[in-house]
Structure formats: structure tokens, C-alpha cells
Amino acid sequence: MSSDTYKTINPASEGLYKEKGSKFIAYAYPVTNEEEIKEYIANLKKEYYDARHHCYAYMLGADKSEYRANDDGEPSSTAGKPILGQILSNDITNILIVVIRYFGGTKLGVSGLIHAYKTAAADAIANTEIIEKTVNDIYDVNFDYLVMNDVMKIIKDDQPEQLGQDFNLTCRITLSIRQSEVNKIIEKFSKIDSVKTEFVKTI
């Protein structure tokens, strides 16, 4: 896998594990930021308000630099860590997995809990598809109307994704360009008079 690709899931999915009366309901979501994560967790806490625990783990970024595991009242490292372990072992990112537990009256012990949260998370991953995505840079390309044909030829040849456009006397096209292609495409634009490229963000 090249450095400008990563694996994530699509679509969102559910998983389930039952043990000694306890029920572990898992939800896996593709996510791109912490705001989405907070919203999903808040919604699940509302929906499953009578559950004892809402444990979760997430990982963000193509470089997997942002991650967190939360036990939500379960014994330390028996819930969030096993969920995160499933994310790591599947080599996926931009994912949130929440496992909701309804206590069945019988304690499962540390090893039982670890197995339950791990299995519920694994079931949610098994019920979705792991897909490969590219890391893309978003650029605004600004140019005079007179050089439109030259700009469009580059877009036609290299096929970056067009996210938006605004055509007047001065024009703007917003492009999503795979990182490994950025230098080549931006250099082509730089050879056309009046074209200015502006980096917006990485997705």
C-alpha cells in the first residue's frame, strides 16, 4: 500500500455478542473528525440510555496519528483497548466503534470482558466492507477566462476530481488531487499564464 492510501470502512455497520445474559451491541462508523465522533456517541447514549456502558475506540488520519480508547466504567483496559485492537489488527483508520453493554447479572471477569468487547467489535467490522481510499489535497485553481481551454485540458488529461467551479472573467475550479499526483499537476498549471493554485486542505 503506497503512502498516500489508507483503509477505512463503508458503510456503517452493527455487530452483536451475547454472554451469560449480557448483551454487547457494536456500531462501527466511518468518520473523519472528532465532531462526528462526539455526535455518534451522544446519539447512541440517548438511544441506549438504559445501558450500563457505552465503550468505544476510534482512529483518525491516514497516518493513524489520532486515536483513543474509552472503557466507560468497565475495569481498566477491558473494553476500549480490545475494541482499538480490532481497529489496529484490521489496519483501518477514520473509524469509530462503540460497543454498548447491557449487564445480564453475571460478572464475566477481566478475560471474559476483553473477549466480549473484542468479539462484538470484530463482528461489526465483519459486517461492513473495508475499502481503500487515497489521501487527497484540495486546491483552488484561479485563472483568467481566456486560458480556460488550457486548464480544462490538464483536468481532462490527469482527471483530478472537480469539487466546485465558478466561471466569470476570472474563474475558479476546486480540485481534489491525489497526493502522489499533486506536484505533477500543479507544475503543469504553473506553466500557464494567469493561473494561480492555492492549497486549501488535505482530506
C-alpha atoms as a PDB file:
ATOM      1  CA  MET A   1       0.000   0.000   0.000  1.00  0.00           C
ATOM      2  CA  SER A   2       1.518   3.351  -1.018  1.00  0.00           C
ATOM      3  CA  SER A   3       1.929   6.193   1.462  1.00  0.00           C
ATOM      4  CA  ASP A   4      -0.999   8.191   0.052  1.00  0.00           C
ATOM      5  CA  THR A   5      -3.623   5.473   0.591  1.00  0.00           C
ATOM      6  CA  TYR A   6      -5.366   4.159   3.683  1.00  0.00           C
ATOM      7  CA  LYS A   7      -8.061   1.644   4.563  1.00  0.00           C
ATOM      8  CA  THR A   8     -11.384   2.512   6.174  1.00  0.00           C
ATOM      9  CA  ILE A   9     -14.923   1.101   6.249  1.00  0.00           C
ATOM     10  CA  ASN A  10     -18.083   1.757   4.276  1.00  0.00           C
ATOM     11  CA  PRO A  11     -20.958   1.641   5.105  1.00  0.00           C
ATOM     12  CA  ALA A  12     -21.664   1.901   8.847  1.00  0.00           C
ATOM     13  CA  SER A  13     -22.451  -1.465  10.411  1.00  0.00           C
ATOM     14  CA  GLU A  14     -23.590  -3.303  13.532  1.00  0.00           C
ATOM     15  CA  GLY A  15     -22.297  -6.297  15.466  1.00  0.00           C
ATOM     16  CA  LEU A  16     -23.569  -8.343  18.411  1.00  0.00           C
ATOM     17  CA  TYR A  17     -22.165 -10.648  21.100  1.00  0.00           C
ATOM     18  CA  LYS A  18     -24.040 -12.324  23.957  1.00  0.00           C
ATOM     19  CA  GLU A  19     -22.541 -13.954  27.037  1.00  0.00           C
ATOM     20  CA  LYS A  20     -24.176 -15.099  30.302  1.00  0.00           C
ATOM     21  CA  GLY A  21     -27.135 -12.775  29.847  1.00  0.00           C
ATOM     22  CA  SER A  22     -25.008  -9.730  28.969  1.00  0.00           C
ATOM     23  CA  LYS A  23     -25.562  -8.236  25.540  1.00  0.00           C
ATOM     24  CA  PHE A  24     -22.856  -6.323  23.656  1.00  0.00           C
ATOM     25  CA  ILE A  25     -24.177  -4.271  20.738  1.00  0.00           C
ATOM     26  CA  ALA A  26     -21.454  -2.850  18.469  1.00  0.00           C
ATOM     27  CA  TYR A  27     -21.714   0.029  15.992  1.00  0.00           C
ATOM     28  CA  ALA A  28     -18.949   0.866  13.504  1.00  0.00           C
ATOM     29  CA  TYR A  29     -18.960   4.211  11.665  1.00  0.00           C
ATOM     30  CA  PRO A  30     -16.688   5.745   9.019  1.00  0.00           C
ATOM     31  CA  VAL A  31     -15.648   9.151  10.434  1.00  0.00           C
ATOM     32  CA  THR A  32     -13.263  11.964   9.526  1.00  0.00           C
ATOM     33  CA  ASN A  33     -13.190  14.209  12.627  1.00  0.00           C
ATOM     34  CA  GLU A  34     -13.869  14.380  16.366  1.00  0.00           C
ATOM     35  CA  GLU A  35     -17.113  16.346  15.923  1.00  0.00           C
ATOM     36  CA  GLU A  36     -18.669  13.421  14.051  1.00  0.00           C
ATOM     37  CA  ILE A  37     -17.409  11.037  16.728  1.00  0.00           C
ATOM     38  CA  LYS A  38     -18.944  13.076  19.562  1.00  0.00           C
ATOM     39  CA  GLU A  39     -22.254  13.243  17.707  1.00  0.00           C
ATOM     40  CA  TYR A  40     -22.435   9.488  17.104  1.00  0.00           C
ATOM     41  CA  ILE A  41     -21.592   8.717  20.751  1.00  0.00           C
ATOM     42  CA  ALA A  42     -24.126  11.268  22.058  1.00  0.00           C
ATOM     43  CA  ASN A  43     -26.857   9.819  19.817  1.00  0.00           C
ATOM     44  CA  LEU A  44     -26.141   6.251  20.940  1.00  0.00           C
ATOM     45  CA  LYS A  45     -26.183   7.314  24.611  1.00  0.00           C
ATOM     46  CA  LYS A  46     -29.609   8.851  24.019  1.00  0.00           C
ATOM     47  CA  GLU A  47     -30.931   5.823  22.151  1.00  0.00           C
ATOM     48  CA  TYR A  48     -29.493   3.295  24.640  1.00  0.00           C
ATOM     49  CA  TYR A  49     -29.948   5.469  27.743  1.00  0.00           C
ATOM     50  CA  ASP A  50     -30.697   2.423  29.905  1.00  0.00           C
ATOM     51  CA  ALA A  51     -27.463   0.567  29.024  1.00  0.00           C
ATOM     52  CA  ARG A  52     -24.770   0.340  31.683  1.00  0.00           C
ATOM     53  CA  HIS A  53     -21.743   1.051  29.474  1.00  0.00           C
ATOM     54  CA  HIS A  54     -21.035   2.799  26.167  1.00  0.00           C
ATOM     55  CA  CYS A  55     -17.405   1.886  25.457  1.00  0.00           C
ATOM     56  CA  TYR A  56     -15.608   2.986  22.326  1.00  0.00           C
ATOM     57  CA  ALA A  57     -12.392   3.394  20.370  1.00  0.00           C
ATOM     58  CA  TYR A  58     -11.570   5.461  17.325  1.00  0.00           C
ATOM     59  CA  MET A  59      -8.702   6.164  14.969  1.00  0.00           C
ATOM     60  CA  LEU A  60      -8.317   9.164  12.654  1.00  0.00           C
ATOM     61  CA  GLY A  61      -5.915  10.206   9.912  1.00  0.00           C
ATOM     62  CA  ALA A  62      -4.191   8.367   7.091  1.00  0.00           C
ATOM     63  CA  ASP A  63      -1.124   8.258   9.360  1.00  0.00           C
ATOM     64  CA  LYS A  64      -3.281   6.903  12.246  1.00  0.00           C
ATOM     65  CA  SER A  65      -1.954   9.692  14.463  1.00  0.00           C
ATOM     66  CA  GLU A  66      -5.176  10.347  16.408  1.00  0.00           C
ATOM     67  CA  TYR A  67      -6.736   7.567  18.440  1.00  0.00           C
ATOM     68  CA  ARG A  68      -8.487   6.975  21.730  1.00  0.00           C
ATOM     69  CA  ALA A  69      -9.936   4.097  23.730  1.00  0.00           C
ATOM     70  CA  ASN A  70     -12.585   4.599  26.445  1.00  0.00           C
ATOM     71  CA  ASP A  71     -13.710   1.963  28.979  1.00  0.00           C
ATOM     72  CA  ASP A  72     -16.726   3.979  30.238  1.00  0.00           C
ATOM     73  CA  GLY A  73     -16.694   2.484  33.736  1.00  0.00           C
ATOM     74  CA  GLU A  74     -15.588  -1.039  32.836  1.00  0.00           C
ATOM     75  CA  PRO A  75     -12.366  -2.287  34.526  1.00  0.00           C
ATOM     76  CA  SER A  76      -9.303  -0.581  33.013  1.00  0.00           C
ATOM     77  CA  SER A  77      -8.287  -1.841  29.549  1.00  0.00           C
ATOM     78  CA  THR A  78     -11.110  -4.433  29.319  1.00  0.00           C
ATOM     79  CA  ALA A  79     -13.266  -2.573  26.785  1.00  0.00           C
ATOM     80  CA  GLY A  80     -11.757   0.346  24.849  1.00  0.00           C
ATOM     81  CA  LYS A  81      -8.400  -1.368  24.335  1.00  0.00           C
ATOM     82  CA  PRO A  82      -9.820  -4.608  22.852  1.00  0.00           C
ATOM     83  CA  ILE A  83     -12.034  -2.502  20.530  1.00  0.00           C
ATOM     84  CA  LEU A  84      -8.978  -0.463  19.449  1.00  0.00           C
ATOM     85  CA  GLY A  85      -7.099  -3.727  18.985  1.00  0.00           C
ATOM     86  CA  GLN A  86      -9.598  -4.809  16.327  1.00  0.00           C
ATOM     87  CA  ILE A  87      -9.148  -1.485  14.505  1.00  0.00           C
ATOM     88  CA  LEU A  88      -5.365  -1.956  14.570  1.00  0.00           C
ATOM     89  CA  SER A  89      -5.399  -5.610  13.546  1.00  0.00           C
ATOM     90  CA  ASN A  90      -7.552  -4.757  10.507  1.00  0.00           C
ATOM     91  CA  ASP A  91      -5.219  -1.836   9.671  1.00  0.00           C
ATOM     92  CA  ILE A  92      -8.102   0.631   9.295  1.00  0.00           C
ATOM     93  CA  THR A  93      -8.477   4.296  10.187  1.00  0.00           C
ATOM     94  CA  ASN A  94     -11.129   7.043  10.087  1.00  0.00           C
ATOM     95  CA  ILE A  95     -13.336   4.696  12.086  1.00  0.00           C
ATOM     96  CA  LEU A  96     -15.318   4.794  15.324  1.00  0.00           C
ATOM     97  CA  ILE A  97     -16.552   1.635  17.048  1.00  0.00           C
ATOM     98  CA  VAL A  98     -18.938   1.934  20.008  1.00  0.00           C
ATOM     99  CA  VAL A  99     -19.924  -1.167  21.991  1.00  0.00           C
ATOM    100  CA  ILE A 100     -22.989  -0.830  24.215  1.00  0.00           C
ATOM    101  CA  ARG A 101     -23.324  -3.290  27.092  1.00  0.00           C
ATOM    102  CA  TYR A 102     -26.456  -4.442  28.835  1.00  0.00           C
ATOM    103  CA  PHE A 103     -25.442  -6.256  32.025  1.00  0.00           C
ATOM    104  CA  GLY A 104     -27.020  -9.678  32.424  1.00  0.00           C
ATOM    105  CA  GLY A 105     -26.455 -10.172  36.149  1.00  0.00           C
ATOM    106  CA  THR A 106     -23.396 -12.437  35.932  1.00  0.00           C
ATOM    107  CA  LYS A 107     -19.902 -10.936  36.045  1.00  0.00           C
ATOM    108  CA  LEU A 108     -17.708 -12.054  33.172  1.00  0.00           C
ATOM    109  CA  GLY A 109     -14.319 -11.322  34.733  1.00  0.00           C
ATOM    110  CA  VAL A 110     -11.471  -9.447  33.074  1.00  0.00           C
ATOM    111  CA  SER A 111     -10.708 -12.034  30.382  1.00  0.00           C
ATOM    112  CA  GLY A 112     -14.433 -12.508  29.682  1.00  0.00           C
ATOM    113  CA  LEU A 113     -14.937  -8.771  29.203  1.00  0.00           C
ATOM    114  CA  ILE A 114     -11.913  -8.444  26.924  1.00  0.00           C
ATOM    115  CA  HIS A 115     -13.197 -11.335  24.798  1.00  0.00           C
ATOM    116  CA  ALA A 116     -16.736  -9.893  24.663  1.00  0.00           C
ATOM    117  CA  TYR A 117     -15.730  -6.369  23.572  1.00  0.00           C
ATOM    118  CA  LYS A 118     -13.180  -7.726  21.096  1.00  0.00           C
ATOM    119  CA  THR A 119     -15.716 -10.138  19.553  1.00  0.00           C
ATOM    120  CA  ALA A 120     -18.504  -7.538  19.303  1.00  0.00           C
ATOM    121  CA  ALA A 121     -16.134  -5.068  17.594  1.00  0.00           C
ATOM    122  CA  ALA A 122     -14.862  -7.788  15.234  1.00  0.00           C
ATOM    123  CA  ASP A 123     -18.454  -8.666  14.312  1.00  0.00           C
ATOM    124  CA  ALA A 124     -19.230  -5.041  13.384  1.00  0.00           C
ATOM    125  CA  ILE A 125     -16.114  -4.901  11.172  1.00  0.00           C
ATOM    126  CA  ALA A 126     -17.047  -8.234   9.564  1.00  0.00           C
ATOM    127  CA  ASN A 127     -20.476  -6.807   8.667  1.00  0.00           C
ATOM    128  CA  THR A 128     -19.129  -3.882   6.651  1.00  0.00           C
ATOM    129  CA  GLU A 129     -16.663  -3.545   3.795  1.00  0.00           C
ATOM    130  CA  ILE A 130     -13.038  -2.471   4.201  1.00  0.00           C
ATOM    131  CA  ILE A 131     -12.211  -0.085   1.366  1.00  0.00           C
ATOM    132  CA  GLU A 132      -9.039   1.663   0.250  1.00  0.00           C
ATOM    133  CA  LYS A 133      -9.066   5.433  -0.151  1.00  0.00           C
ATOM    134  CA  THR A 134      -6.452   7.903  -1.326  1.00  0.00           C
ATOM    135  CA  VAL A 135      -5.126  10.866   0.655  1.00  0.00           C
ATOM    136  CA  ASN A 136      -6.068  13.925  -1.405  1.00  0.00           C
ATOM    137  CA  ASP A 137      -5.072  17.594  -1.320  1.00  0.00           C
ATOM    138  CA  ILE A 138      -7.744  20.177  -2.128  1.00  0.00           C
ATOM    139  CA  TYR A 139      -6.605  23.056  -4.334  1.00  0.00           C
ATOM    140  CA  ASP A 140      -8.334  26.144  -5.684  1.00  0.00           C
ATOM    141  CA  VAL A 141      -7.182  26.859  -9.235  1.00  0.00           C
ATOM    142  CA  ASN A 142      -7.740  30.515 -10.176  1.00  0.00           C
ATOM    143  CA  PHE A 143      -7.305  31.667 -13.801  1.00  0.00           C
ATOM    144  CA  ASP A 144      -8.437  34.129 -16.473  1.00  0.00           C
ATOM    145  CA  TYR A 145     -11.310  33.053 -18.702  1.00  0.00           C
ATOM    146  CA  LEU A 146      -9.010  33.276 -21.749  1.00  0.00           C
ATOM    147  CA  VAL A 147      -6.914  30.281 -20.623  1.00  0.00           C
ATOM    148  CA  MET A 148      -9.928  28.086 -19.789  1.00  0.00           C
ATOM    149  CA  ASN A 149      -9.135  25.570 -22.560  1.00  0.00           C
ATOM    150  CA  ASP A 150      -5.568  25.058 -21.329  1.00  0.00           C
ATOM    151  CA  VAL A 151      -6.757  24.488 -17.742  1.00  0.00           C
ATOM    152  CA  MET A 152      -9.522  22.103 -18.801  1.00  0.00           C
ATOM    153  CA  LYS A 153      -7.082  20.080 -20.936  1.00  0.00           C
ATOM    154  CA  ILE A 154      -4.933  19.369 -17.848  1.00  0.00           C
ATOM    155  CA  ILE A 155      -8.040  18.377 -15.876  1.00  0.00           C
ATOM    156  CA  LYS A 156      -9.147  16.104 -18.734  1.00  0.00           C
ATOM    157  CA  ASP A 157      -5.703  14.502 -19.061  1.00  0.00           C
ATOM    158  CA  ASP A 158      -4.987  13.938 -15.351  1.00  0.00           C
ATOM    159  CA  GLN A 159      -8.563  13.576 -14.096  1.00  0.00           C
ATOM    160  CA  PRO A 160      -8.451  15.086 -10.597  1.00  0.00           C
ATOM    161  CA  GLU A 161     -11.917  15.214  -9.015  1.00  0.00           C
ATOM    162  CA  GLN A 162     -13.749  18.534  -9.509  1.00  0.00           C
ATOM    163  CA  LEU A 163     -15.464  19.698  -6.301  1.00  0.00           C
ATOM    164  CA  GLY A 164     -16.727  23.063  -7.482  1.00  0.00           C
ATOM    165  CA  GLN A 165     -16.389  25.783 -10.092  1.00  0.00           C
ATOM    166  CA  ASP A 166     -17.116  29.459 -10.619  1.00  0.00           C
ATOM    167  CA  PHE A 167     -16.744  30.803 -14.155  1.00  0.00           C
ATOM    168  CA  ASN A 168     -16.656  34.583 -14.690  1.00  0.00           C
ATOM    169  CA  LEU A 169     -13.985  36.886 -16.113  1.00  0.00           C
ATOM    170  CA  THR A 170     -11.740  35.315 -13.527  1.00  0.00           C
ATOM    171  CA  CYS A 171     -12.521  31.686 -12.914  1.00  0.00           C
ATOM    172  CA  ARG A 172     -12.020  29.237 -10.090  1.00  0.00           C
ATOM    173  CA  ILE A 173     -12.136  25.446 -10.037  1.00  0.00           C
ATOM    174  CA  THR A 174     -11.730  23.486  -6.803  1.00  0.00           C
ATOM    175  CA  LEU A 175      -9.947  20.179  -7.296  1.00  0.00           C
ATOM    176  CA  SER A 176      -9.280  17.150  -5.141  1.00  0.00           C
ATOM    177  CA  ILE A 177      -5.885  15.763  -6.199  1.00  0.00           C
ATOM    178  CA  ARG A 178      -4.313  12.526  -5.005  1.00  0.00           C
ATOM    179  CA  GLN A 179      -1.156  13.447  -3.060  1.00  0.00           C
ATOM    180  CA  SER A 180       1.196  11.431  -5.253  1.00  0.00           C
ATOM    181  CA  GLU A 181      -0.109  13.391  -8.290  1.00  0.00           C
ATOM    182  CA  VAL A 182      -0.049  16.890  -6.760  1.00  0.00           C
ATOM    183  CA  ASN A 183       3.445  18.028  -7.811  1.00  0.00           C
ATOM    184  CA  LYS A 184       2.986  16.896 -11.418  1.00  0.00           C
ATOM    185  CA  ILE A 185      -0.422  18.573 -11.845  1.00  0.00           C
ATOM    186  CA  ILE A 186       0.462  21.822 -10.042  1.00  0.00           C
ATOM    187  CA  GLU A 187       3.608  22.125 -12.166  1.00  0.00           C
ATOM    188  CA  LYS A 188       1.513  21.839 -15.340  1.00  0.00           C
ATOM    189  CA  PHE A 189      -0.790  24.617 -14.102  1.00  0.00           C
ATOM    190  CA  SER A 190       2.207  26.826 -13.240  1.00  0.00           C
ATOM    191  CA  LYS A 191       3.259  26.880 -16.904  1.00  0.00           C
ATOM    192  CA  ILE A 192       0.026  28.631 -17.936  1.00  0.00           C
ATOM    193  CA  ASP A 193      -0.058  32.425 -17.667  1.00  0.00           C
ATOM    194  CA  SER A 194      -2.520  33.851 -15.090  1.00  0.00           C
ATOM    195  CA  VAL A 195      -3.082  30.505 -13.307  1.00  0.00           C
ATOM    196  CA  LYS A 196      -2.658  30.616  -9.550  1.00  0.00           C
ATOM    197  CA  THR A 197      -3.067  27.482  -7.431  1.00  0.00           C
ATOM    198  CA  GLU A 198      -3.888  27.704  -3.739  1.00  0.00           C
ATOM    199  CA  PHE A 199      -3.722  24.804  -1.285  1.00  0.00           C
ATOM    200  CA  VAL A 200      -6.906  24.514   0.815  1.00  0.00           C
ATOM    201  CA  LYS A 201      -6.609  21.358   2.941  1.00  0.00           C
ATOM    202  CA  THR A 202      -5.797  17.654   2.985  1.00  0.00           C
ATOM    203  CA  ILE A 203      -8.550  15.058   3.197  1.00  0.00           C
END
